[in-house]
């Protein structure tokens, strides 16, 4: 279920079609709130080629 006041189903569909594999949608958080999830931090570090 998508419950976001900016990103509705139609916009998510557009982004999915446009960005394909480059799009990552996290189920919770938003903006900086995603940084509370370890998996999201790992993806961020991997994207920038950083290590802990």
Protein backbone atom coordinates (compact mmCIF):
# COMPACT_ATOMS: atom_id res chain seq x y z
CA UNK A 1 0.00 0.00 0.00
CA UNK A 2 1.36 3.37 -1.01
CA UNK A 3 0.45 6.04 1.55
CA UNK A 4 2.44 9.09 0.59
CA UNK A 5 0.95 12.51 0.00
CA UNK A 6 3.36 13.44 -2.81
CA UNK A 7 4.16 10.10 -4.44
CA UNK A 8 0.89 8.50 -5.55
CA UNK A 9 0.48 5.30 -7.58
CA UNK A 10 0.52 7.11 -10.93
CA UNK A 11 3.73 8.99 -10.11
CA UNK A 12 5.37 5.83 -8.80
CA UNK A 13 4.45 4.04 -12.03
CA UNK A 14 5.94 6.89 -14.07
CA UNK A 15 9.17 6.87 -12.04
CA UNK A 16 9.42 3.08 -12.27
CA UNK A 17 9.04 3.17 -16.04
CA UNK A 18 11.38 6.12 -16.48
CA UNK A 19 14.18 5.14 -14.10
CA UNK A 20 13.83 1.36 -14.23
CA UNK A 21 16.65 -0.30 -12.26
CA UNK A 22 18.02 3.06 -11.14
CA UNK A 23 15.00 3.64 -8.88
CA UNK A 24 15.01 2.50 -5.27
CA UNK A 25 11.85 3.03 -3.25
CA UNK A 26 12.13 2.50 0.47
CA UNK A 27 8.94 1.47 2.28
CA UNK A 28 9.45 3.73 5.30
CA UNK A 29 11.15 6.96 6.22
CA UNK A 30 11.60 9.66 3.70
CA UNK A 31 14.32 12.14 3.02
CA UNK A 32 16.67 11.70 6.01
CA UNK A 33 14.28 9.28 7.74
CA UNK A 34 15.58 6.49 5.52
CA UNK A 35 18.94 6.73 7.25
CA UNK A 36 17.59 4.97 10.32
CA UNK A 37 17.53 1.68 8.38
CA UNK A 38 20.81 -0.23 8.11
CA UNK A 39 19.96 -1.62 4.66
CA UNK A 40 19.42 1.88 3.29
CA UNK A 41 22.76 3.09 4.63
CA UNK A 42 24.49 0.11 3.01
CA UNK A 43 22.87 0.96 -0.35
CA UNK A 44 23.90 4.59 0.01
CA UNK A 45 27.50 3.69 0.80
CA UNK A 46 27.60 1.20 -2.06
CA UNK A 47 26.25 3.80 -4.48
CA UNK A 48 29.01 6.28 -3.56
CA UNK A 49 31.71 3.60 -3.31
CA UNK A 50 32.25 4.32 0.38
CA UNK A 51 33.08 1.88 3.15
CA UNK A 52 32.48 1.91 6.89
